[in-house]
């Protein structure tokens, strides 16, 4: 009788032990999975996607991204899409005029891929606009700028 009580107690102990080991294994798996998941909804991840795009298009654009200061001033995220305001300026001439662009990126796996871009409000060539004595030419004007009608 004593022996049967001991075996029942031992079996109960083993059952609880196995349940606890299973729970611990499940918890460890979830922690590992969460640690491996990469959160790319960050300004730096978006900036890296833009730099990757510039590097891929270097041969066609002639623009070396290594010569530019690229700063992301604002980013908004919506599901698998990001919209970023980006400022470019030459590293060789700090303070010189730069260019602002708006990028639309799409999440593909653990990276942001550029889907579109648009030049922002600043002049893309860094100029401050036309001189005051030279009127802007309209798209339908047949008269060259600087001449009178």
C-alpha atoms as a PDB file:
ATOM      1  CA  UNK A   1       0.000   0.000   0.000  1.00  0.00           C
ATOM      2  CA  UNK A   2       2.727   2.412   0.832  1.00  0.00           C
ATOM      3  CA  UNK A   3       4.443   1.593  -2.407  1.00  0.00           C
ATOM      4  CA  UNK A   4       1.314   2.320  -4.507  1.00  0.00           C
ATOM      5  CA  UNK A   5       0.864   5.704  -2.816  1.00  0.00           C
ATOM      6  CA  UNK A   6       4.467   6.571  -3.609  1.00  0.00           C
ATOM      7  CA  UNK A   7       4.043   5.654  -7.263  1.00  0.00           C
ATOM      8  CA  UNK A   8       0.882   7.723  -7.593  1.00  0.00           C
ATOM      9  CA  UNK A   9       2.617  10.735  -6.033  1.00  0.00           C
ATOM     10  CA  UNK A  10       5.657  10.279  -8.257  1.00  0.00           C
ATOM     11  CA  UNK A  11       3.477   9.966 -11.374  1.00  0.00           C
ATOM     12  CA  UNK A  12       1.637  13.151 -10.450  1.00  0.00           C
ATOM     13  CA  UNK A  13       4.953  14.933  -9.926  1.00  0.00           C
ATOM     14  CA  UNK A  14       6.227  13.774 -13.350  1.00  0.00           C
ATOM     15  CA  UNK A  15       3.001  14.912 -15.021  1.00  0.00           C
ATOM     16  CA  UNK A  16       3.300  18.418 -13.530  1.00  0.00           C
ATOM     17  CA  UNK A  17       7.011  18.504 -14.348  1.00  0.00           C
ATOM     18  CA  UNK A  18       6.353  17.611 -18.016  1.00  0.00           C
ATOM     19  CA  UNK A  19       3.631  20.266 -18.279  1.00  0.00           C
ATOM     20  CA  UNK A  20       5.979  22.903 -16.856  1.00  0.00           C
ATOM     21  CA  UNK A  21       8.782  21.902 -19.229  1.00  0.00           C
ATOM     22  CA  UNK A  22       6.382  22.166 -22.198  1.00  0.00           C
ATOM     23  CA  UNK A  23       5.224  25.614 -21.065  1.00  0.00           C
ATOM     24  CA  UNK A  24       8.813  26.762 -20.608  1.00  0.00           C
ATOM     25  CA  UNK A  25       9.733  25.456 -24.080  1.00  0.00           C
ATOM     26  CA  UNK A  26       6.779  27.269 -25.649  1.00  0.00           C
ATOM     27  CA  UNK A  27       7.680  30.491 -23.837  1.00  0.00           C
ATOM     28  CA  UNK A  28      11.331  30.239 -24.934  1.00  0.00           C
ATOM     29  CA  UNK A  29      10.243  29.655 -28.551  1.00  0.00           C
ATOM     30  CA  UNK A  30       8.006  32.738 -28.496  1.00  0.00           C
ATOM     31  CA  UNK A  31      10.779  34.897 -27.025  1.00  0.00           C
ATOM     32  CA  UNK A  32      13.214  33.675 -29.667  1.00  0.00           C
ATOM     33  CA  UNK A  33      10.716  34.312 -32.443  1.00  0.00           C
ATOM     34  CA  UNK A  34      10.000  37.824 -31.169  1.00  0.00           C
ATOM     35  CA  UNK A  35      13.716  38.576 -30.943  1.00  0.00           C
ATOM     36  CA  UNK A  36      14.260  37.467 -34.537  1.00  0.00           C
ATOM     37  CA  UNK A  37      11.387  39.529 -35.952  1.00  0.00           C
ATOM     38  CA  UNK A  38      12.811  42.779 -37.283  1.00  0.00           C
ATOM     39  CA  UNK A  39      10.840  45.987 -36.856  1.00  0.00           C
ATOM     40  CA  UNK A  40      11.554  48.033 -39.966  1.00  0.00           C
ATOM     41  CA  UNK A  41       9.080  50.818 -39.283  1.00  0.00           C
ATOM     42  CA  UNK A  42      11.923  53.168 -38.409  1.00  0.00           C
ATOM     43  CA  UNK A  43      13.360  56.270 -40.020  1.00  0.00           C
ATOM     44  CA  UNK A  44      16.738  54.554 -40.391  1.00  0.00           C
ATOM     45  CA  UNK A  45      15.234  51.553 -42.216  1.00  0.00           C
ATOM     46  CA  UNK A  46      13.450  53.913 -44.638  1.00  0.00           C
ATOM     47  CA  UNK A  47      16.671  55.907 -45.144  1.00  0.00           C
ATOM     48  CA  UNK A  48      18.511  52.663 -45.931  1.00  0.00           C
ATOM     49  CA  UNK A  49      15.856  51.752 -48.515  1.00  0.00           C
ATOM     50  CA  UNK A  50      16.350  55.135 -50.194  1.00  0.00           C
ATOM     51  CA  UNK A  51      20.139  54.756 -50.158  1.00  0.00           C
ATOM     52  CA  UNK A  52      19.803  51.261 -51.665  1.00  0.00           C
ATOM     53  CA  UNK A  53      17.623  52.708 -54.437  1.00  0.00           C
ATOM     54  CA  UNK A  54      20.122  55.510 -55.130  1.00  0.00           C
ATOM     55  CA  UNK A  55      22.961  52.982 -55.273  1.00  0.00           C
ATOM     56  CA  UNK A  56      21.035  50.736 -57.714  1.00  0.00           C
ATOM     57  CA  UNK A  57      20.269  53.705 -59.994  1.00  0.00           C
ATOM     58  CA  UNK A  58      23.779  55.199 -59.781  1.00  0.00           C
ATOM     59  CA  UNK A  59      24.726  54.085 -63.311  1.00  0.00           C
ATOM     60  CA  UNK A  60      21.644  55.666 -64.897  1.00  0.00           C
ATOM     61  CA  UNK A  61      21.493  58.859 -62.805  1.00  0.00           C
ATOM     62  CA  UNK A  62      25.201  59.548 -62.426  1.00  0.00           C
ATOM     63  CA  UNK A  63      24.573  60.446 -58.772  1.00  0.00           C
ATOM     64  CA  UNK A  64      26.900  58.882 -56.215  1.00  0.00           C
ATOM     65  CA  UNK A  65      24.966  58.520 -52.935  1.00  0.00           C
ATOM     66  CA  UNK A  66      28.284  58.478 -51.080  1.00  0.00           C
ATOM     67  CA  UNK A  67      28.745  62.155 -51.986  1.00  0.00           C
ATOM     68  CA  UNK A  68      25.396  63.220 -50.518  1.00  0.00           C
ATOM     69  CA  UNK A  69      24.084  63.953 -47.069  1.00  0.00           C
ATOM     70  CA  UNK A  70      20.718  62.207 -46.995  1.00  0.00           C
ATOM     71  CA  UNK A  71      18.401  63.122 -44.146  1.00  0.00           C
ATOM     72  CA  UNK A  72      14.860  61.885 -43.617  1.00  0.00           C
ATOM     73  CA  UNK A  73      12.927  64.719 -42.010  1.00  0.00           C
ATOM     74  CA  UNK A  74       9.554  62.971 -41.644  1.00  0.00           C
ATOM     75  CA  UNK A  75       8.134  59.479 -42.165  1.00  0.00           C
ATOM     76  CA  UNK A  76       4.592  58.170 -41.977  1.00  0.00           C
ATOM     77  CA  UNK A  77       3.717  54.487 -42.005  1.00  0.00           C
ATOM     78  CA  UNK A  78       0.490  52.837 -43.120  1.00  0.00           C
ATOM     79  CA  UNK A  79       0.453  49.025 -43.211  1.00  0.00           C
ATOM     80  CA  UNK A  80       3.144  47.992 -45.711  1.00  0.00           C
ATOM     81  CA  UNK A  81       3.713  51.488 -47.100  1.00  0.00           C
ATOM     82  CA  UNK A  82       5.846  54.406 -45.961  1.00  0.00           C
ATOM     83  CA  UNK A  83       5.943  58.019 -47.137  1.00  0.00           C
ATOM     84  CA  UNK A  84       9.125  59.957 -46.398  1.00  0.00           C
ATOM     85  CA  UNK A  85      10.274  63.561 -46.829  1.00  0.00           C
ATOM     86  CA  UNK A  86      13.963  63.466 -47.690  1.00  0.00           C
ATOM     87  CA  UNK A  87      16.531  66.254 -47.999  1.00  0.00           C
ATOM     88  CA  UNK A  88      19.682  65.847 -50.113  1.00  0.00           C
ATOM     89  CA  UNK A  89      22.696  68.106 -49.953  1.00  0.00           C
ATOM     90  CA  UNK A  90      26.259  67.726 -51.233  1.00  0.00           C
ATOM     91  CA  UNK A  91      28.820  66.690 -48.622  1.00  0.00           C
ATOM     92  CA  UNK A  92      31.444  68.770 -50.441  1.00  0.00           C
ATOM     93  CA  UNK A  93      29.520  72.037 -50.008  1.00  0.00           C
ATOM     94  CA  UNK A  94      27.717  72.153 -46.655  1.00  0.00           C
ATOM     95  CA  UNK A  95      25.163  74.926 -46.563  1.00  0.00           C
ATOM     96  CA  UNK A  96      24.797  74.940 -50.340  1.00  0.00           C
ATOM     97  CA  UNK A  97      21.352  74.507 -51.790  1.00  0.00           C
ATOM     98  CA  UNK A  98      20.012  71.015 -51.763  1.00  0.00           C
ATOM     99  CA  UNK A  99      16.955  69.207 -52.929  1.00  0.00           C
ATOM    100  CA  UNK A 100      13.867  67.893 -51.130  1.00  0.00           C
ATOM    101  CA  UNK A 101      11.933  64.887 -52.346  1.00  0.00           C
ATOM    102  CA  UNK A 102       8.978  62.848 -51.182  1.00  0.00           C
ATOM    103  CA  UNK A 103       9.394  59.085 -51.450  1.00  0.00           C
ATOM    104  CA  UNK A 104       6.797  56.321 -51.363  1.00  0.00           C
ATOM    105  CA  UNK A 105       8.204  52.994 -50.251  1.00  0.00           C
ATOM    106  CA  UNK A 106       6.718  49.526 -49.931  1.00  0.00           C
ATOM    107  CA  UNK A 107       7.697  46.906 -47.398  1.00  0.00           C
ATOM    108  CA  UNK A 108       9.062  43.756 -49.003  1.00  0.00           C
ATOM    109  CA  UNK A 109      10.197  41.279 -46.389  1.00  0.00           C
ATOM    110  CA  UNK A 110      12.599  43.042 -44.050  1.00  0.00           C
ATOM    111  CA  UNK A 111      13.368  45.947 -46.427  1.00  0.00           C
ATOM    112  CA  UNK A 112      11.767  49.096 -47.807  1.00  0.00           C
ATOM    113  CA  UNK A 113      11.693  49.331 -51.606  1.00  0.00           C
ATOM    114  CA  UNK A 114      11.188  52.679 -53.376  1.00  0.00           C
ATOM    115  CA  UNK A 115       7.985  52.694 -55.436  1.00  0.00           C
ATOM    116  CA  UNK A 116       7.888  56.363 -56.374  1.00  0.00           C
ATOM    117  CA  UNK A 117       9.444  59.765 -55.818  1.00  0.00           C
ATOM    118  CA  UNK A 118       8.459  63.368 -56.338  1.00  0.00           C
ATOM    119  CA  UNK A 119      10.514  66.535 -56.138  1.00  0.00           C
ATOM    120  CA  UNK A 120       9.355  68.651 -53.193  1.00  0.00           C
ATOM    121  CA  UNK A 121       8.660  72.359 -52.880  1.00  0.00           C
ATOM    122  CA  UNK A 122      12.263  73.521 -53.195  1.00  0.00           C
ATOM    123  CA  UNK A 123      13.866  74.052 -56.561  1.00  0.00           C
ATOM    124  CA  UNK A 124      15.538  70.727 -57.443  1.00  0.00           C
ATOM    125  CA  UNK A 125      18.689  72.580 -58.503  1.00  0.00           C
ATOM    126  CA  UNK A 126      19.062  74.542 -55.288  1.00  0.00           C
ATOM    127  CA  UNK A 127      18.409  77.913 -56.919  1.00  0.00           C
ATOM    128  CA  UNK A 128      16.249  80.551 -55.307  1.00  0.00           C
ATOM    129  CA  UNK A 129      14.099  81.102 -58.404  1.00  0.00           C
ATOM    130  CA  UNK A 130      14.308  83.564 -61.276  1.00  0.00           C
ATOM    131  CA  UNK A 131      15.914  86.991 -60.847  1.00  0.00           C
ATOM    132  CA  UNK A 132      13.409  89.795 -60.244  1.00  0.00           C
ATOM    133  CA  UNK A 133      14.102  91.501 -63.594  1.00  0.00           C
ATOM    134  CA  UNK A 134      13.368  88.337 -65.597  1.00  0.00           C
ATOM    135  CA  UNK A 135       9.690  87.307 -65.790  1.00  0.00           C
ATOM    136  CA  UNK A 136       8.778  83.658 -65.794  1.00  0.00           C
ATOM    137  CA  UNK A 137       8.035  82.220 -69.212  1.00  0.00           C
ATOM    138  CA  UNK A 138       4.657  80.572 -69.519  1.00  0.00           C
ATOM    139  CA  UNK A 139       4.521  77.150 -71.190  1.00  0.00           C
ATOM    140  CA  UNK A 140       2.531  78.568 -74.149  1.00  0.00           C
ATOM    141  CA  UNK A 141       4.580  81.729 -74.663  1.00  0.00           C
ATOM    142  CA  UNK A 142       6.216  82.173 -78.077  1.00  0.00           C
ATOM    143  CA  UNK A 143       8.235  85.163 -76.893  1.00  0.00           C
ATOM    144  CA  UNK A 144      11.655  84.416 -75.401  1.00  0.00           C
ATOM    145  CA  UNK A 145      12.267  85.755 -71.864  1.00  0.00           C
ATOM    146  CA  UNK A 146      13.804  89.222 -71.658  1.00  0.00           C
ATOM    147  CA  UNK A 147      12.168  90.543 -74.838  1.00  0.00           C
ATOM    148  CA  UNK A 148       9.165  92.825 -75.036  1.00  0.00           C
ATOM    149  CA  UNK A 149       5.983  92.330 -77.037  1.00  0.00           C
END
